[in-house]
């Protein structure tokens, strides 16, 4: 068995627990011990959530000598790019700058994996920026399991030495707090039902929904802030904490011409076939249709669909949008057809909010979102209009193996919005929104100031405490309370350290979509490379603060320490500003 395949198998076979209790590993790495009725694991850092932010935080801490416990609710690490089935949404400069070196190395390792293990054509092998799927959304559209394999490779030596304890299929269920410090986290195995207590000087919430925030009493916000609260150009007059972006149950399909792979008619198909989303600003019509609301204008916009990748006039062929395997990149007869990911406007689920939902309601909404996605599949197979005037493409096949699930749907919902910490500094639209920057400039300010909105209208705010950079337009999908798309230009931005520090809790840090943004600015800080950047900054912050024997807050407040930390970041390949 090839080493990479072996490591990939390790990553998906369940909980990986280092149980060394004596010898050198017991002193230097996480270890298991009896603590009355419960087993306890100890490390320098406990990270809940194995998405890109959690993985990046763990890798940054591990390569700098810390011991780490990393938990993951599913059996796949990688979050958005793997368990949720979403190829990376990235900016146009990603190949050369605008993300940490470690993230770009991760992307290049994906390419190398395909070159070493797949029968690529000579032309594809020679391509500097190989894109396995040639998908329109990303320059690195790949299979979820390949991302899992690369992350598993990166973690392998730390698992072997006992520096890392990886607990897949474990979910945080409770926490203990003394004063302003978290003292322990309790997690539960979904396989055995066994509970473990995790202790460390520092904890990181890298979960998809900010699960640790209510457990630890960390102050947080959810949903939409009002214009009175944030003074943001695109904020509504009235806030709504229950108003969050749609989530999506993604799935993968290929196309086998002349074959019949039509699934059984979903139980809710008739509902979803006739469903017209109720929006404050009208949707284009039925959800299951080759049209949607143009995100920028909200006018009806036509989409195309052809599962052989054939051009569909001036309309975007949805088949090409998130394609993860383009058969043209591989030697003839390797693939009978392309493979694409379905994460489209038509399967955004808007009828419920997962944040704070009871276990029963969470399951209800996820199950209904699965019904929506399966209904979309059935509609494509049986009713989608064809160029020849017919209906349906019965040769479309659900690829259960791509998502690693029995039902063929992603292991976890693609979540766009989380609980957000009340941070010592909150990123607002005036800091990163192109139009709002113009308004700020017109108010009379000329130069950028430390963590403030005024400054040049053609640049995002410059933060004195920058710990990374990112870019994506502000992209808010339709919401659970009826907002249609909110989509407008942002500017290449920085990630301020202040947005990563809770206002009160001293040793819990965010590393996902739960940083100090608003509902509006979450729309550009939620994508793959930014999440990685946040996680890496947090992992390095824990190392630096531990070495200096100060809290993360003091690192930011002390000019000399902040300068030292930013120098440390730069030495680790983190960019603090835009070229």
Protein backbone atom coordinates (compact mmCIF):
# COMPACT_ATOMS: atom_id res chain seq x y z
CA UNK A 1 0.00 0.00 0.00
CA UNK A 2 1.34 3.43 -0.91
CA UNK A 3 2.33 5.59 2.03
CA UNK A 4 -0.12 8.37 1.14
CA UNK A 5 -2.98 5.93 0.74
CA UNK A 6 -2.08 4.35 4.05
CA UNK A 7 -2.14 7.73 5.78
CA UNK A 8 -5.42 8.64 4.14
CA UNK A 9 -6.91 5.41 5.42
CA UNK A 10 -5.63 6.20 8.90
CA UNK A 11 -7.39 9.55 8.76
CA UNK A 12 -10.79 8.12 8.02
CA UNK A 13 -10.92 4.97 10.14
CA UNK A 14 -12.09 6.66 13.32
CA UNK A 15 -10.62 8.09 16.48
CA UNK A 16 -6.85 8.25 16.61
CA UNK A 17 -5.76 8.42 20.22
CA UNK A 18 -2.21 8.32 21.51
CA UNK A 19 -2.51 6.48 24.80
CA UNK A 20 1.11 6.54 25.92
CA UNK A 21 1.21 6.85 29.69
CA UNK A 22 4.86 6.33 30.48
CA UNK A 23 8.29 6.97 29.04
CA UNK A 24 9.46 10.06 27.11
CA UNK A 25 6.19 10.60 25.28
CA UNK A 26 4.36 10.91 28.57
CA UNK A 27 6.52 13.91 29.46
CA UNK A 28 6.56 15.65 26.10
CA UNK A 29 3.22 14.81 24.52
CA UNK A 30 -0.45 14.37 25.34
CA UNK A 31 -1.07 11.40 27.57
CA UNK A 32 -3.95 9.43 28.96
CA UNK A 33 -4.40 8.92 32.67
CA UNK A 34 -7.10 7.86 35.07
CA UNK A 35 -8.81 10.72 36.92
CA UNK A 36 -11.33 9.09 39.22
CA UNK A 37 -14.23 8.06 36.98
CA UNK A 38 -13.03 9.82 33.83
CA UNK A 39 -9.99 9.62 31.63
CA UNK A 40 -8.13 12.86 31.10
CA UNK A 41 -5.88 14.00 28.29
CA UNK A 42 -3.40 16.81 28.77
CA UNK A 43 -1.54 18.97 26.27
CA UNK A 44 -0.19 22.48 25.77
CA UNK A 45 -3.12 23.27 23.49
CA UNK A 46 -6.59 21.79 22.98
CA UNK A 47 -8.28 22.55 19.66
CA UNK A 48 -11.94 21.67 19.10
CA UNK A 49 -12.71 21.38 15.39
CA UNK A 50 -10.60 19.80 12.67
CA UNK A 51 -11.45 22.19 9.84
CA UNK A 52 -8.84 24.23 7.99
CA UNK A 53 -8.53 26.71 10.86
CA UNK A 54 -8.15 23.97 13.45
CA UNK A 55 -5.64 22.07 11.34
CA UNK A 56 -3.62 25.21 10.63
CA UNK A 57 -3.55 26.13 14.34
CA UNK A 58 -2.43 22.61 15.24
CA UNK A 59 0.32 22.49 12.61
CA UNK A 60 1.66 25.91 13.61
CA UNK A 61 1.79 24.91 17.28
CA UNK A 62 3.25 21.46 16.58
CA UNK A 63 6.10 22.64 14.39
CA UNK A 64 7.04 25.03 17.18
CA UNK A 65 7.30 22.34 19.82
CA UNK A 66 3.90 22.43 21.53
CA UNK A 67 1.80 19.37 22.24
CA UNK A 68 -1.71 19.42 20.83
CA UNK A 69 -5.03 17.63 21.20
CA UNK A 70 -7.21 18.11 18.13
CA UNK A 71 -10.83 16.95 18.10
CA UNK A 72 -13.11 16.56 15.09
CA UNK A 73 -16.81 15.79 15.06
CA UNK A 74 -16.68 13.74 11.84
CA UNK A 75 -14.20 11.11 10.67
CA UNK A 76 -12.52 13.50 8.18
CA UNK A 77 -10.30 16.44 9.01
CA UNK A 78 -10.29 19.42 6.66
CA UNK A 79 -13.66 21.08 7.23
CA UNK A 80 -14.84 23.07 4.21
CA UNK A 81 -12.48 21.41 1.75
CA UNK A 82 -13.23 17.83 2.79
CA UNK A 83 -16.12 16.90 5.08
CA UNK A 84 -18.26 19.69 3.60
CA UNK A 85 -17.19 19.06 0.01
CA UNK A 86 -16.36 22.64 -1.02
CA UNK A 87 -13.40 23.35 -3.33
CA UNK A 88 -11.48 26.42 -2.12
CA UNK A 89 -12.94 29.86 -2.76
CA UNK A 90 -9.83 31.96 -3.29
CA UNK A 91 -8.63 35.29 -4.64
CA UNK A 92 -6.82 35.80 -7.93
CA UNK A 93 -3.34 36.28 -6.42
CA UNK A 94 -3.32 33.08 -4.37
CA UNK A 95 -0.52 31.36 -6.31
CA UNK A 96 2.06 33.98 -5.33
CA UNK A 97 0.88 35.92 -2.30
CA UNK A 98 -2.05 36.84 -0.10
CA UNK A 99 -1.93 33.75 2.15
CA UNK A 100 0.61 32.11 4.49
CA UNK A 101 3.37 30.02 2.95
CA UNK A 102 1.98 26.97 4.76
CA UNK A 103 -1.35 27.33 2.96
CA UNK A 104 0.29 27.62 -0.44
CA UNK A 105 2.48 24.61 0.42
CA UNK A 106 -0.69 22.67 1.26
CA UNK A 107 -2.18 23.55 -2.13
CA UNK A 108 0.99 22.53 -3.95
CA UNK A 109 1.06 19.25 -2.05
CA UNK A 110 -2.39 18.51 -3.47
CA UNK A 111 -1.00 19.01 -6.97
CA UNK A 112 1.99 16.81 -6.21
CA UNK A 113 -0.32 14.09 -4.95
CA UNK A 114 -2.11 13.97 -8.28
CA UNK A 115 1.17 14.02 -10.22
CA UNK A 116 2.58 11.09 -8.22
CA UNK A 117 -0.53 8.95 -7.89
CA UNK A 118 -2.84 9.63 -10.85
CA UNK A 119 -2.44 8.91 -14.59
CA UNK A 120 -2.32 12.53 -15.71
CA UNK A 121 -1.58 13.49 -19.27
CA UNK A 122 1.92 14.80 -19.96
CA UNK A 123 0.45 18.24 -20.57
CA UNK A 124 -1.37 18.26 -17.23
CA UNK A 125 1.74 17.04 -15.39
CA UNK A 126 3.81 19.84 -16.85
CA UNK A 127 1.32 22.54 -15.91
CA UNK A 128 2.78 24.70 -13.14
CA UNK A 129 -0.61 25.45 -11.63
CA UNK A 130 -2.34 22.14 -12.19
CA UNK A 131 -6.06 22.28 -11.40
CA UNK A 132 -7.33 18.66 -11.33
CA UNK A 133 -10.92 19.65 -12.02
CA UNK A 134 -10.36 22.89 -13.95
CA UNK A 135 -13.33 24.19 -11.99
CA UNK A 136 -14.25 27.83 -12.44
CA UNK A 137 -14.48 28.58 -8.73
CA UNK A 138 -10.90 27.73 -7.79
CA UNK A 139 -7.42 27.13 -9.15
CA UNK A 140 -7.17 23.96 -7.06
CA UNK A 141 -10.47 22.06 -7.43
CA UNK A 142 -9.73 18.59 -6.04
CA UNK A 143 -11.39 15.56 -4.47
CA UNK A 144 -12.14 15.91 -0.74
CA UNK A 145 -10.25 12.70 0.10
CA UNK A 146 -7.05 14.11 -1.41
CA UNK A 147 -7.18 17.09 0.95
CA UNK A 148 -7.66 14.61 3.82
CA UNK A 149 -4.63 12.63 2.64
CA UNK A 150 -2.39 15.71 2.53
CA UNK A 151 -3.44 16.88 5.99
CA UNK A 152 -2.88 13.34 7.28
CA UNK A 153 0.63 13.38 5.81
CA UNK A 154 1.35 16.67 7.58
CA UNK A 155 0.16 15.30 10.91
CA UNK A 156 1.75 11.84 10.60
CA UNK A 157 5.11 12.56 12.29
CA UNK A 158 3.45 14.33 15.21
CA UNK A 159 1.06 11.43 15.74
CA UNK A 160 4.01 9.03 15.68
CA UNK A 161 6.01 10.99 18.26
CA UNK A 162 3.04 11.54 20.54
CA UNK A 163 3.07 15.32 20.13
CA UNK A 164 -0.42 15.19 18.61
CA UNK A 165 -3.50 13.38 19.81
CA UNK A 166 -6.18 13.37 17.12
CA UNK A 167 -9.69 12.52 18.27
CA UNK A 168 -11.96 12.11 15.28
CA UNK A 169 -15.66 11.43 15.80
CA UNK A 170 -15.51 13.36 19.08
CA UNK A 171 -17.76 16.31 19.89
CA UNK A 172 -17.40 18.86 22.68
CA UNK A 173 -20.27 18.59 25.15
CA UNK A 174 -19.30 20.75 28.13
CA UNK A 175 -16.55 22.85 29.66
CA UNK A 176 -15.34 24.02 33.05
CA UNK A 177 -14.34 27.61 33.70
CA UNK A 178 -12.72 29.30 36.69
CA UNK A 179 -12.94 33.06 36.63
CA UNK A 180 -11.87 34.18 33.17
CA UNK A 181 -10.07 30.96 32.26
CA UNK A 182 -11.24 27.70 30.74
CA UNK A 183 -9.84 24.80 32.75
CA UNK A 184 -11.13 21.76 30.87
CA UNK A 185 -13.25 20.58 27.99
CA UNK A 186 -15.31 17.41 27.93
CA UNK A 187 -15.77 15.57 24.65
CA UNK A 188 -17.87 12.56 23.74
CA UNK A 189 -17.09 9.82 21.24
CA UNK A 190 -19.92 9.31 18.76
CA UNK A 191 -18.81 5.71 18.32
CA UNK A 192 -18.43 4.45 21.87
CA UNK A 193 -20.29 7.11 23.84
CA UNK A 194 -17.19 7.42 26.02
CA UNK A 195 -16.40 10.80 27.59
CA UNK A 196 -12.92 12.30 27.86
CA UNK A 197 -11.75 15.35 29.79
CA UNK A 198 -9.21 17.54 27.98
CA UNK A 199 -7.02 19.98 29.85
CA UNK A 200 -4.50 22.58 28.67
CA UNK A 201 -3.31 26.12 29.35
CA UNK A 202 -4.97 27.20 26.08
CA UNK A 203 -8.10 26.20 24.16
CA UNK A 204 -9.11 26.99 20.59
CA UNK A 205 -12.66 26.97 19.24
CA UNK A 206 -12.32 25.91 15.60
CA UNK A 207 -15.78 24.33 15.43
CA UNK A 208 -18.05 25.21 12.54
CA UNK A 209 -20.70 26.89 14.69
CA UNK A 210 -18.61 28.27 17.57
CA UNK A 211 -19.76 25.50 19.91
CA UNK A 212 -17.31 26.32 22.72
CA UNK A 213 -18.47 29.91 23.14
CA UNK A 214 -21.73 29.21 25.03
CA UNK A 215 -20.12 26.27 26.87
CA UNK A 216 -17.38 28.49 28.28
CA UNK A 217 -19.48 31.60 28.87
CA UNK A 218 -17.47 33.47 26.25
CA UNK A 219 -19.45 36.51 25.14
CA UNK A 220 -20.66 36.20 21.55
CA UNK A 221 -23.13 37.51 19.00
CA UNK A 222 -25.10 35.86 16.22
CA UNK A 223 -26.97 36.96 13.14
CA UNK A 224 -27.47 40.48 11.85
CA UNK A 225 -26.51 43.69 13.62
CA UNK A 226 -28.54 46.84 13.05
CA UNK A 227 -27.23 49.97 11.37
CA UNK A 228 -27.45 51.72 14.75
CA UNK A 229 -25.07 49.14 16.22
CA UNK A 230 -22.40 49.10 13.52
CA UNK A 231 -23.08 52.10 11.25
CA UNK A 232 -22.39 49.82 8.28
CA UNK A 233 -23.56 50.87 4.86
CA UNK A 234 -25.30 47.56 4.12
CA UNK A 235 -26.59 46.81 7.62
CA UNK A 236 -30.39 46.72 8.06
CA UNK A 237 -32.26 49.20 10.22
CA UNK A 238 -33.24 46.39 12.58
CA UNK A 239 -30.92 43.64 13.75
CA UNK A 240 -31.90 39.99 14.07
CA UNK A 241 -29.75 37.46 15.97
CA UNK A 242 -31.56 34.57 14.27
CA UNK A 243 -30.89 35.81 10.74
CA UNK A 244 -27.97 33.80 9.33
CA UNK A 245 -26.83 32.71 5.89
CA UNK A 246 -28.15 29.54 4.31
CA UNK A 247 -26.20 26.32 4.73
CA UNK A 248 -25.81 23.64 2.07
CA UNK A 249 -25.59 19.86 1.92
CA UNK A 250 -23.17 19.36 -0.95
CA UNK A 251 -22.84 16.24 -3.09
CA UNK A 252 -20.77 14.93 -6.01
CA UNK A 253 -21.98 13.62 -9.37
CA UNK A 254 -20.59 12.34 -12.64
CA UNK A 255 -22.28 11.60 -15.96
CA UNK A 256 -22.54 8.24 -17.71
CA UNK A 257 -24.16 8.77 -21.13
CA UNK A 258 -26.67 6.12 -22.13
CA UNK A 259 -27.04 4.76 -18.59
CA UNK A 260 -29.84 5.20 -16.07
CA UNK A 261 -28.83 6.23 -12.56
CA UNK A 262 -32.06 7.96 -11.54
CA UNK A 263 -32.47 7.78 -7.77
CA UNK A 264 -35.70 6.96 -5.98
CA UNK A 265 -37.96 9.99 -5.88
CA UNK A 266 -37.14 11.87 -2.64
CA UNK A 267 -39.92 12.04 -0.05
CA UNK A 268 -40.02 15.85 -0.15
CA UNK A 269 -39.56 16.23 -3.90
CA UNK A 270 -43.00 17.67 -4.57
CA UNK A 271 -42.45 20.32 -1.91
CA UNK A 272 -39.04 21.37 -3.17
CA UNK A 273 -40.03 21.20 -6.84
CA UNK A 274 -42.66 23.87 -6.22
CA UNK A 275 -40.82 25.85 -3.54
CA UNK A 276 -40.39 29.58 -4.14
CA UNK A 277 -38.16 31.14 -1.47
CA UNK A 278 -39.87 33.91 0.50
CA UNK A 279 -37.45 36.80 0.31
CA UNK A 280 -37.63 40.44 1.38
CA UNK A 281 -36.52 41.14 -2.18
CA UNK A 282 -38.06 38.60 -4.51
CA UNK A 283 -36.31 35.45 -5.66
CA UNK A 284 -36.32 34.72 -9.39
CA UNK A 285 -39.00 32.02 -9.13
CA UNK A 286 -38.89 28.36 -8.16
CA UNK A 287 -35.72 27.26 -6.38
CA UNK A 288 -35.31 24.16 -8.59
CA UNK A 289 -34.81 25.97 -11.85
CA UNK A 290 -31.96 27.13 -14.08
CA UNK A 291 -32.32 30.69 -12.91
CA UNK A 292 -31.61 32.51 -9.68
CA UNK A 293 -31.28 35.99 -8.26
CA UNK A 294 -28.20 37.76 -9.57
CA UNK A 295 -26.22 38.28 -6.31
CA UNK A 296 -25.23 41.83 -7.22
CA UNK A 297 -28.46 43.14 -8.76
CA UNK A 298 -31.08 40.63 -7.51
CA UNK A 299 -32.53 40.56 -11.02
CA UNK A 300 -33.35 37.09 -12.43
CA UNK A 301 -30.28 35.51 -14.01
CA UNK A 302 -30.20 32.47 -16.28
CA UNK A 303 -27.80 29.61 -15.65
CA UNK A 304 -26.80 26.81 -17.97
CA UNK A 305 -26.35 23.10 -17.40
CA UNK A 306 -24.79 20.41 -19.56
CA UNK A 307 -23.09 17.41 -17.88
CA UNK A 308 -20.65 16.92 -20.74
CA UNK A 309 -19.12 20.32 -20.10
CA UNK A 310 -20.43 21.77 -23.35
CA UNK A 311 -20.72 25.54 -23.51
CA UNK A 312 -24.21 26.80 -22.68
CA UNK A 313 -24.22 30.10 -24.55
CA UNK A 314 -23.48 33.14 -22.42
CA UNK A 315 -24.82 31.44 -19.30
CA UNK A 316 -22.49 29.77 -16.81
CA UNK A 317 -22.60 25.99 -17.18
CA UNK A 318 -23.08 24.90 -13.57
CA UNK A 319 -21.36 21.60 -14.36
CA UNK A 320 -18.06 23.44 -14.76
CA UNK A 321 -18.41 25.67 -11.71
CA UNK A 322 -17.12 23.31 -9.01
CA UNK A 323 -15.81 20.48 -11.19
CA UNK A 324 -13.16 18.52 -9.22
CA UNK A 325 -12.13 16.03 -11.92
CA UNK A 326 -11.79 17.03 -15.57
CA UNK A 327 -11.32 13.83 -17.55
CA UNK A 328 -9.26 15.78 -20.11
CA UNK A 329 -6.45 16.09 -17.53
CA UNK A 330 -6.06 12.31 -17.36
CA UNK A 331 -4.97 9.70 -19.89
CA UNK A 332 -7.83 8.46 -22.11
CA UNK A 333 -10.34 6.08 -20.51
CA UNK A 334 -9.22 6.89 -16.96
CA UNK A 335 -12.57 8.56 -16.34
CA UNK A 336 -15.77 7.96 -18.28
CA UNK A 337 -16.86 11.48 -17.38
CA UNK A 338 -16.05 14.50 -15.25
CA UNK A 339 -16.88 14.71 -11.56
CA UNK A 340 -18.41 17.88 -10.16
CA UNK A 341 -19.57 19.16 -6.78
CA UNK A 342 -23.11 20.48 -6.44
CA UNK A 343 -22.99 23.53 -4.21
CA UNK A 344 -25.27 25.83 -6.14
CA UNK A 345 -27.97 28.42 -5.40
CA UNK A 346 -30.53 25.66 -5.95
CA UNK A 347 -29.49 23.66 -2.86
CA UNK A 348 -28.94 26.49 -0.39
CA UNK A 349 -31.20 25.66 2.59
CA UNK A 350 -32.90 28.79 3.95
CA UNK A 351 -35.65 27.37 6.15
CA UNK A 352 -33.73 27.01 9.39
CA UNK A 353 -30.85 28.13 11.55
CA UNK A 354 -28.37 25.60 12.96
CA UNK A 355 -26.79 27.98 15.48
CA UNK A 356 -28.12 27.17 18.91
CA UNK A 357 -30.53 24.56 17.56
CA UNK A 358 -31.44 21.64 19.80
CA UNK A 359 -30.14 18.26 18.71
CA UNK A 360 -33.63 17.46 17.42
CA UNK A 361 -33.96 20.68 15.41
CA UNK A 362 -30.40 20.40 14.09
CA UNK A 363 -31.21 16.95 12.72
CA UNK A 364 -34.53 18.15 11.33
CA UNK A 365 -32.95 20.97 9.34
CA UNK A 366 -30.03 18.86 8.13
CA UNK A 367 -32.43 16.11 7.04
CA UNK A 368 -34.57 18.63 5.16
CA UNK A 369 -31.47 20.13 3.55
CA UNK A 370 -30.53 16.63 2.43
CA UNK A 371 -33.99 16.25 0.94
CA UNK A 372 -33.48 19.53 -0.92
CA UNK A 373 -30.15 18.34 -2.35
CA UNK A 374 -31.54 14.94 -3.34
CA UNK A 375 -34.56 16.68 -4.88
CA UNK A 376 -32.20 18.84 -6.94
CA UNK A 377 -30.40 15.68 -8.09
CA UNK A 378 -33.69 14.00 -9.03
CA UNK A 379 -34.78 17.16 -10.88
CA UNK A 380 -31.52 17.18 -12.86
CA UNK A 381 -32.01 13.51 -13.72
CA UNK A 382 -35.67 13.77 -14.71
CA UNK A 383 -36.79 17.33 -15.42
CA UNK A 384 -33.89 19.69 -16.13
CA UNK A 385 -34.24 21.16 -19.63
CA UNK A 386 -31.87 19.82 -22.28
CA UNK A 387 -30.59 21.69 -25.36
CA UNK A 388 -32.42 19.20 -27.62
CA UNK A 389 -35.74 20.16 -26.06
CA UNK A 390 -36.01 17.06 -23.90
CA UNK A 391 -36.01 16.84 -20.12
CA UNK A 392 -33.66 15.25 -17.65
CA UNK A 393 -30.25 13.59 -17.72
CA UNK A 394 -30.74 10.02 -16.37
CA UNK A 395 -27.03 9.27 -16.81
CA UNK A 396 -26.15 11.63 -13.94
CA UNK A 397 -24.80 9.42 -11.16
CA UNK A 398 -24.54 10.23 -7.45
CA UNK A 399 -20.91 9.59 -6.40
CA UNK A 400 -21.23 8.38 -2.82
CA UNK A 401 -17.57 7.39 -2.74
CA UNK A 402 -16.42 10.98 -3.32
CA UNK A 403 -18.11 12.19 -0.13
CA UNK A 404 -17.39 8.98 1.79
CA UNK A 405 -21.00 8.56 2.93
CA UNK A 406 -23.79 6.06 2.40
CA UNK A 407 -26.29 8.68 1.25
CA UNK A 408 -23.80 10.43 -1.04
CA UNK A 409 -24.17 13.77 0.72
CA UNK A 410 -21.38 15.58 2.56
CA UNK A 411 -20.47 14.43 6.04
CA UNK A 412 -21.35 17.83 7.48
CA UNK A 413 -23.31 20.89 6.32
CA UNK A 414 -21.39 23.61 4.53
CA UNK A 415 -21.78 26.32 7.17
CA UNK A 416 -21.26 29.94 6.14
CA UNK A 417 -21.93 31.65 9.44
CA UNK A 418 -21.17 30.92 13.08
CA UNK A 419 -21.43 32.43 16.50
CA UNK A 420 -18.90 35.29 16.66
CA UNK A 421 -16.92 36.32 19.70
CA UNK A 422 -17.35 39.74 21.20
CA UNK A 423 -13.77 40.73 20.51
CA UNK A 424 -11.55 43.53 21.77
CA UNK A 425 -11.76 44.81 18.19
CA UNK A 426 -14.57 44.15 15.68
CA UNK A 427 -14.01 44.29 11.92
CA UNK A 428 -16.77 46.33 10.31
CA UNK A 429 -17.74 47.14 6.75
CA UNK A 430 -16.05 50.53 7.09
CA UNK A 431 -12.72 48.71 7.40
CA UNK A 432 -12.95 46.48 4.32
CA UNK A 433 -15.99 47.37 2.14
CA UNK A 434 -15.10 49.31 -1.01
CA UNK A 435 -18.16 51.57 -0.96
CA UNK A 436 -18.02 52.10 2.79
CA UNK A 437 -14.33 53.07 2.51
CA UNK A 438 -15.32 55.82 0.12
CA UNK A 439 -17.84 57.10 2.64
CA UNK A 440 -15.18 57.02 5.37
CA UNK A 441 -12.74 58.93 3.15
CA UNK A 442 -15.37 61.57 2.43
CA UNK A 443 -15.72 62.19 6.16
CA UNK A 444 -12.40 63.97 6.04
CA UNK A 445 -9.72 61.50 7.09
CA UNK A 446 -6.62 61.18 4.93
CA UNK A 447 -4.24 58.60 6.34
CA UNK A 448 -4.84 55.14 7.70
CA UNK A 449 -4.86 55.01 11.49
CA UNK A 450 -4.36 52.15 13.89
CA UNK A 451 -7.40 49.89 13.80
CA UNK A 452 -9.67 52.61 12.51
CA UNK A 453 -11.77 53.12 9.41
CA UNK A 454 -10.39 56.39 8.01
CA UNK A 455 -7.82 56.11 5.27
CA UNK A 456 -7.46 55.96 1.49
CA UNK A 457 -10.70 54.93 -0.16
CA UNK A 458 -8.92 52.48 -2.46
CA UNK A 459 -7.33 50.51 0.38
CA UNK A 460 -8.75 48.54 3.29
CA UNK A 461 -7.96 49.82 6.77
CA UNK A 462 -4.40 49.17 7.89
CA UNK A 463 -4.26 47.50 11.29
CA UNK A 464 -1.27 48.07 13.55
CA UNK A 465 -1.81 44.57 14.98
CA UNK A 466 -2.12 42.71 11.66
CA UNK A 467 -1.49 38.96 11.90
CA UNK A 468 -2.33 38.01 8.31
CA UNK A 469 -4.07 38.98 5.11
CA UNK A 470 -6.93 37.82 2.92
CA UNK A 471 -9.30 38.79 0.19
CA UNK A 472 -12.74 37.89 -1.11
CA UNK A 473 -15.70 40.01 -2.07
CA UNK A 474 -18.38 40.36 0.60
CA UNK A 475 -20.61 37.43 -0.27
CA UNK A 476 -23.68 36.81 1.88
CA UNK A 477 -26.00 34.06 0.68
CA UNK A 478 -29.78 34.21 1.19
CA UNK A 479 -30.64 34.03 4.85
CA UNK A 480 -32.90 32.16 7.22
CA UNK A 481 -35.02 35.29 7.77
CA UNK A 482 -35.58 36.14 4.14
CA UNK A 483 -32.69 38.34 3.03
CA UNK A 484 -31.76 37.77 -0.59
CA UNK A 485 -28.09 37.92 -1.62
CA UNK A 486 -25.96 40.73 -0.23
CA UNK A 487 -22.94 40.80 -2.51
CA UNK A 488 -20.59 43.72 -3.11
CA UNK A 489 -16.94 44.66 -3.46
CA UNK A 490 -14.40 44.57 -0.68
CA UNK A 491 -10.70 45.43 -0.72
CA UNK A 492 -7.67 43.23 0.03
CA UNK A 493 -7.65 43.21 3.82
CA UNK A 494 -5.63 42.42 6.91
CA UNK A 495 -6.59 40.24 9.87
CA UNK A 496 -6.27 42.24 13.10
CA UNK A 497 -5.11 40.45 16.23
CA UNK A 498 -7.79 42.28 18.20
CA UNK A 499 -10.49 40.37 16.33
CA UNK A 500 -9.05 37.09 17.64
CA UNK A 501 -9.14 38.02 21.33
CA UNK A 502 -12.36 37.74 23.39
CA UNK A 503 -13.26 40.73 25.53
CA UNK A 504 -13.01 38.73 28.78
CA UNK A 505 -11.99 35.06 28.54
CA UNK A 506 -8.19 34.86 28.64
CA UNK A 507 -7.24 31.45 27.24
CA UNK A 508 -9.85 30.65 24.59
CA UNK A 509 -9.20 31.77 21.01
CA UNK A 510 -11.31 31.45 17.83
CA UNK A 511 -10.02 29.78 14.65
CA UNK A 512 -12.91 29.51 12.25
CA UNK A 513 -15.79 31.83 11.28
CA UNK A 514 -16.18 32.83 14.93
CA UNK A 515 -13.78 35.78 15.06
CA UNK A 516 -14.74 39.38 15.77
CA UNK A 517 -16.51 40.24 12.53
CA UNK A 518 -20.03 41.49 11.91
CA UNK A 519 -22.68 39.66 9.91
CA UNK A 520 -21.59 41.79 6.95
CA UNK A 521 -17.81 41.34 7.18
CA UNK A 522 -18.16 37.63 7.88
CA UNK A 523 -18.99 37.53 4.17
CA UNK A 524 -15.33 38.03 3.21
CA UNK A 525 -13.55 36.52 6.24
CA UNK A 526 -15.20 33.08 5.98
CA UNK A 527 -13.36 31.51 3.02
CA UNK A 528 -10.76 28.73 2.98
CA UNK A 529 -7.44 30.66 2.90
CA UNK A 530 -8.64 33.22 5.45
CA UNK A 531 -9.75 30.48 7.82
CA UNK A 532 -6.33 28.86 7.47
CA UNK A 533 -4.65 32.23 8.08
CA UNK A 534 -6.68 32.79 11.25
CA UNK A 535 -5.85 29.32 12.54
CA UNK A 536 -2.15 29.67 11.83
CA UNK A 537 -2.01 33.04 13.58
CA UNK A 538 -3.76 31.57 16.61
CA UNK A 539 -1.43 28.56 16.82
CA UNK A 540 1.61 30.84 16.65
CA UNK A 541 0.06 33.24 19.17
CA UNK A 542 -0.28 30.44 21.72
CA UNK A 543 3.38 29.53 21.22
CA UNK A 544 4.54 33.14 21.54
CA UNK A 545 2.38 33.96 24.56
CA UNK A 546 3.47 30.75 26.27
CA UNK A 547 7.13 31.58 25.70
CA UNK A 548 6.73 35.14 26.97
CA UNK A 549 4.55 34.00 29.89
CA UNK A 550 1.89 36.58 29.08
CA UNK A 551 -1.70 36.46 27.88
CA UNK A 552 -2.65 37.02 24.22
CA UNK A 553 -4.24 40.31 25.25
CA UNK A 554 -0.93 41.55 26.65
CA UNK A 555 0.84 40.60 23.42
CA UNK A 556 -1.45 42.99 21.59
CA UNK A 557 -1.34 45.75 24.19
CA UNK A 558 2.45 45.82 24.64
CA UNK A 559 4.10 47.47 21.63
CA UNK A 560 7.40 45.63 22.06
CA UNK A 561 5.72 42.25 22.44
CA UNK A 562 3.45 42.93 19.46
CA UNK A 563 6.46 43.80 17.32
CA UNK A 564 8.17 40.61 18.45
CA UNK A 565 5.11 38.51 17.68
CA UNK A 566 4.70 40.03 14.24
CA UNK A 567 8.37 39.31 13.55
CA UNK A 568 7.75 35.71 14.60
CA UNK A 569 4.81 35.50 12.19
CA UNK A 570 6.87 36.84 9.30
CA UNK A 571 9.60 34.31 10.07
CA UNK A 572 6.97 31.57 9.83
CA UNK A 573 5.92 32.67 6.36
CA UNK A 574 2.90 34.78 7.32
CA UNK A 575 2.26 37.96 5.34
CA UNK A 576 1.11 40.96 7.38
CA UNK A 577 0.36 43.35 4.53
CA UNK A 578 -0.43 43.40 0.83
CA UNK A 579 2.28 43.89 -1.76
